[in-house]
C-alpha atoms as a PDB file:
ATOM      1  CA  MET A   1      16.280 -12.587  -3.877  1.00  0.00           C
ATOM      2  CA  VAL A   2      13.776  -9.981  -4.990  1.00  0.00           C
ATOM      3  CA  GLY A   3      11.300  -7.735  -3.283  1.00  0.00           C
ATOM      4  CA  ILE A   4       7.662  -8.263  -4.160  1.00  0.00           C
ATOM      5  CA  VAL A   5       4.931  -5.629  -4.406  1.00  0.00           C
ATOM      6  CA  VAL A   6       1.199  -6.180  -4.870  1.00  0.00           C
ATOM      7  CA  VAL A   7      -0.867  -3.488  -6.611  1.00  0.00           C
ATOM      8  CA  SER A   8      -4.639  -3.777  -6.645  1.00  0.00           C
ATOM      9  CA  HIS A   9      -7.474  -1.301  -6.912  1.00  0.00           C
ATOM     10  CA  SER A  10      -8.404  -2.457  -3.412  1.00  0.00           C
ATOM     11  CA  LYS A  11      -5.889  -2.057  -0.603  1.00  0.00           C
ATOM     12  CA  ASN A  12      -7.909  -4.521   1.498  1.00  0.00           C
ATOM     13  CA  LEU A  13      -7.917  -7.152  -1.241  1.00  0.00           C
ATOM     14  CA  ALA A  14      -4.141  -6.841  -1.627  1.00  0.00           C
ATOM     15  CA  ASP A  15      -3.712  -7.179   2.162  1.00  0.00           C
ATOM     16  CA  GLU A  16      -5.637 -10.463   2.087  1.00  0.00           C
ATOM     17  CA  ILE A  17      -3.681 -11.804  -0.905  1.00  0.00           C
ATOM     18  CA  ILE A  18      -0.424 -10.929   0.889  1.00  0.00           C
ATOM     19  CA  THR A  19      -1.653 -12.623   4.081  1.00  0.00           C
ATOM     20  CA  LEU A  20      -2.350 -15.800   2.115  1.00  0.00           C
ATOM     21  CA  ALA A  21       1.017 -15.646   0.308  1.00  0.00           C
ATOM     22  CA  ARG A  22       2.906 -15.173   3.599  1.00  0.00           C
ATOM     23  CA  GLU A  23       1.836 -18.712   4.506  1.00  0.00           C
ATOM     24  CA  MET A  24       4.156 -19.890   1.685  1.00  0.00           C
ATOM     25  CA  LYS A  25       7.040 -17.560   2.564  1.00  0.00           C
ATOM     26  CA  GLN A  26      10.300 -19.344   3.388  1.00  0.00           C
ATOM     27  CA  ASN A  27      12.800 -16.466   3.201  1.00  0.00           C
ATOM     28  CA  ASP A  28      13.095 -12.919   4.497  1.00  0.00           C
ATOM     29  CA  PHE A  29      12.264 -10.419   1.763  1.00  0.00           C
ATOM     30  CA  PRO A  30       9.904  -7.461   1.461  1.00  0.00           C
ATOM     31  CA  LEU A  31       6.346  -8.426   0.464  1.00  0.00           C
ATOM     32  CA  LEU A  32       4.547  -5.089   0.394  1.00  0.00           C
ATOM     33  CA  ASN A  33       1.195  -3.599  -0.516  1.00  0.00           C
ATOM     34  CA  GLY A  34       1.385  -0.706  -3.001  1.00  0.00           C
ATOM     35  CA  SER A  35      -2.368  -0.584  -3.552  1.00  0.00           C
ATOM     36  CA  GLY A  36      -5.119   1.923  -3.241  1.00  0.00           C
ATOM     37  CA  ILE A  37      -5.305   5.672  -3.094  1.00  0.00           C
ATOM     38  CA  ASP A  38      -5.695   8.155  -0.255  1.00  0.00           C
ATOM     39  CA  GLY A  39      -9.093   7.786   1.357  1.00  0.00           C
ATOM     40  CA  GLU A  40     -11.532   4.914   1.151  1.00  0.00           C
ATOM     41  CA  HIS A  41     -11.940   4.845  -2.623  1.00  0.00           C
ATOM     42  CA  PHE A  42     -10.830   2.145  -5.042  1.00  0.00           C
ATOM     43  CA  GLY A  43      -7.932   2.896  -7.381  1.00  0.00           C
ATOM     44  CA  SER A  44      -4.177   3.006  -7.624  1.00  0.00           C
ATOM     45  CA  ASP A  45      -1.704   5.852  -7.283  1.00  0.00           C
ATOM     46  CA  PRO A  46       1.629   5.958  -9.137  1.00  0.00           C
ATOM     47  CA  MET A  47       3.343   7.777  -6.262  1.00  0.00           C
ATOM     48  CA  ILE A  48       2.224   5.215  -3.655  1.00  0.00           C
ATOM     49  CA  ILE A  49       3.367   2.454  -6.007  1.00  0.00           C
ATOM     50  CA  LYS A  50       6.734   4.188  -6.606  1.00  0.00           C
ATOM     51  CA  GLU A  51       7.420   4.566  -2.883  1.00  0.00           C
ATOM     52  CA  THR A  52       6.484   0.940  -2.247  1.00  0.00           C
ATOM     53  CA  ILE A  53       8.738  -0.326  -5.050  1.00  0.00           C
ATOM     54  CA  GLU A  54      11.640   1.672  -3.599  1.00  0.00           C
ATOM     55  CA  LYS A  55      11.011   0.180  -0.125  1.00  0.00           C
ATOM     56  CA  ALA A  56      10.855  -3.353  -1.557  1.00  0.00           C
ATOM     57  CA  TYR A  57      13.927  -3.033  -3.805  1.00  0.00           C
ATOM     58  CA  LEU A  58      16.649  -5.639  -3.292  1.00  0.00           C
ATOM     59  CA  ASP A  59      19.779  -6.435  -5.338  1.00  0.00           C
ATOM     60  CA  GLY A  60      17.781  -9.010  -7.329  1.00  0.00           C
ATOM     61  CA  GLY A  61      15.147  -6.404  -8.154  1.00  0.00           C
ATOM     62  CA  VAL A  62      11.412  -6.160  -7.586  1.00  0.00           C
ATOM     63  CA  ILE A  63       8.478  -8.020  -9.069  1.00  0.00           C
ATOM     64  CA  ILE A  64       5.091  -6.337  -9.030  1.00  0.00           C
ATOM     65  CA  PHE A  65       1.858  -8.337  -9.163  1.00  0.00           C
ATOM     66  CA  VAL A  66      -1.052  -6.223 -10.434  1.00  0.00           C
ATOM     67  CA  ASP A  67      -4.756  -6.812 -10.817  1.00  0.00           C
ATOM     68  CA  LEU A  68      -5.926  -5.025 -13.992  1.00  0.00           C
ATOM     69  CA  GLY A  69      -6.316  -1.909 -16.090  1.00  0.00           C
ATOM     70  CA  SER A  70      -5.125   1.264 -14.437  1.00  0.00           C
ATOM     71  CA  SER A  71      -3.116  -0.654 -11.833  1.00  0.00           C
ATOM     72  CA  ILE A  72      -0.898  -1.776 -14.694  1.00  0.00           C
ATOM     73  CA  LEU A  73      -0.702   1.693 -16.240  1.00  0.00           C
ATOM     74  CA  ASN A  74      -0.031   3.352 -12.880  1.00  0.00           C
ATOM     75  CA  THR A  75       2.676   0.789 -12.086  1.00  0.00           C
ATOM     76  CA  GLU A  76       4.366   1.492 -15.424  1.00  0.00           C
ATOM     77  CA  MET A  77       4.179   5.206 -14.639  1.00  0.00           C
ATOM     78  CA  ALA A  78       5.592   4.615 -11.142  1.00  0.00           C
ATOM     79  CA  ILE A  79       8.582   2.768 -12.611  1.00  0.00           C
ATOM     80  CA  ASP A  80       9.175   5.713 -14.960  1.00  0.00           C
ATOM     81  CA  PHE A  81       9.287   8.048 -11.915  1.00  0.00           C
ATOM     82  CA  ILE A  82      11.989   6.018 -10.125  1.00  0.00           C
ATOM     83  CA  ASP A  83      15.440   7.592 -10.036  1.00  0.00           C
ATOM     84  CA  GLU A  84      17.645   5.384 -12.218  1.00  0.00           C
ATOM     85  CA  ALA A  85      20.745   6.657 -10.413  1.00  0.00           C
ATOM     86  CA  ALA A  86      19.460   5.137  -7.161  1.00  0.00           C
ATOM     87  CA  PHE A  87      17.690   2.008  -8.477  1.00  0.00           C
ATOM     88  CA  ASP A  88      18.363  -0.251 -11.454  1.00  0.00           C
ATOM     89  CA  THR A  89      14.944  -0.025 -13.091  1.00  0.00           C
ATOM     90  CA  SER A  90      15.820  -2.847 -15.496  1.00  0.00           C
ATOM     91  CA  LYS A  91      15.413  -5.153 -12.474  1.00  0.00           C
ATOM     92  CA  ILE A  92      11.890  -3.893 -11.730  1.00  0.00           C
ATOM     93  CA  LYS A  93       9.346  -6.058 -13.511  1.00  0.00           C
ATOM     94  CA  ILE A  94       5.582  -6.409 -13.705  1.00  0.00           C
ATOM     95  CA  ALA A  95       4.531 -10.056 -13.538  1.00  0.00           C
ATOM     96  CA  ASP A  96       2.337 -11.219 -16.405  1.00  0.00           C
ATOM     97  CA  ALA A  97       0.507 -13.676 -14.159  1.00  0.00           C
ATOM     98  CA  PRO A  98      -2.725 -13.859 -12.176  1.00  0.00           C
ATOM     99  CA  ILE A  99      -2.344 -11.794  -9.028  1.00  0.00           C
ATOM    100  CA  VAL A 100      -3.340 -14.542  -6.561  1.00  0.00           C
ATOM    101  CA  GLU A 101      -1.949 -17.688  -8.179  1.00  0.00           C
ATOM    102  CA  GLY A 102       1.167 -15.906  -9.411  1.00  0.00           C
ATOM    103  CA  LEU A 103       1.986 -14.420  -6.032  1.00  0.00           C
ATOM    104  CA  ILE A 104       1.394 -17.687  -4.205  1.00  0.00           C
ATOM    105  CA  ALA A 105       3.761 -19.451  -6.628  1.00  0.00           C
ATOM    106  CA  ALA A 106       6.431 -16.718  -6.594  1.00  0.00           C
ATOM    107  CA  VAL A 107       6.760 -16.331  -2.825  1.00  0.00           C
ATOM    108  CA  PRO A 108       8.128 -19.813  -1.980  1.00  0.00           C
ATOM    109  CA  ILE A 109      10.642 -19.844  -4.861  1.00  0.00           C
ATOM    110  CA  ASN A 110      12.070 -16.434  -3.952  1.00  0.00           C
ATOM    111  CA  ASP A 111      15.388 -17.297  -2.328  1.00  0.00           C
ATOM    112  CA  GLU A 112      18.929 -15.888  -2.126  1.00  0.00           C
ATOM    113  CA  LYS A 113      19.723 -17.084  -5.669  1.00  0.00           C
ATOM    114  CA  ALA A 114      16.524 -15.853  -7.357  1.00  0.00           C
ATOM    115  CA  THR A 115      16.416 -12.887  -9.702  1.00  0.00           C
ATOM    116  CA  ALA A 116      13.341 -11.154 -11.066  1.00  0.00           C
ATOM    117  CA  GLU A 117      13.921 -12.868 -14.408  1.00  0.00           C
ATOM    118  CA  ASP A 118      14.158 -16.309 -12.772  1.00  0.00           C
ATOM    119  CA  ILE A 119      10.832 -15.886 -11.038  1.00  0.00           C
ATOM    120  CA  LEU A 120       9.132 -14.411 -14.104  1.00  0.00           C
ATOM    121  CA  THR A 121      10.256 -17.417 -16.132  1.00  0.00           C
ATOM    122  CA  GLU A 122       8.526 -19.645 -13.579  1.00  0.00           C
ATOM    123  CA  MET A 123       5.387 -17.495 -13.930  1.00  0.00           C
ATOM    124  CA  GLU A 124       5.087 -18.183 -17.682  1.00  0.00           C
ATOM    125  CA  ASP A 125       2.927 -21.267 -17.089  1.00  0.00           C
ATOM    126  CA  PHE A 126       0.426 -19.235 -15.098  1.00  0.00           C
ATOM    127  CA  LYS A 127      -0.636 -17.243 -18.171  1.00  0.00           C
ATOM    128  CA  ASN A 128      -2.661 -20.276 -19.283  1.00  0.00           C
ATOM    129  CA  PHE A 129      -3.289 -21.833 -15.891  1.00  0.00           C
ATOM    130  CA  SER A 130      -6.445 -23.940 -15.954  1.00  0.00           C
ATOM    131  CA  LYS A 131      -8.226 -24.441 -12.651  1.00  0.00           C
ATOM    132  CA  VAL A 132     -10.754 -26.903 -14.013  1.00  0.00           C
ATOM    133  CA  LYS A 133     -10.136 -29.534 -16.645  1.00  0.00           C
END
């Protein structure tokens, strides 16, 4: 099982995505919001993301779902800041999947046997996910 973190420029948007994904949740694992910055402004903060990743970390690792641009860069920076003596950073992965569809698909398949790599493999199809044919 892995912990899951959502990083968006909007803390409120991430809260709503997490609320929707919790409807699919079948197991007990951290599903946390690492979004936003101090204050009411949009953005992302590497230190908030780092702390959230550390809180979500399980033996299987952590998968982070991000929205775009600086959320990705700040998440990469946050991973670089994590103490490798305390956390195996090779098990901390950014999902290359749409934030909503990817999260909704990842949550129900996250069980006691799942690793970050297992879930990311399942996310591969979401890179080219077509909503309308």
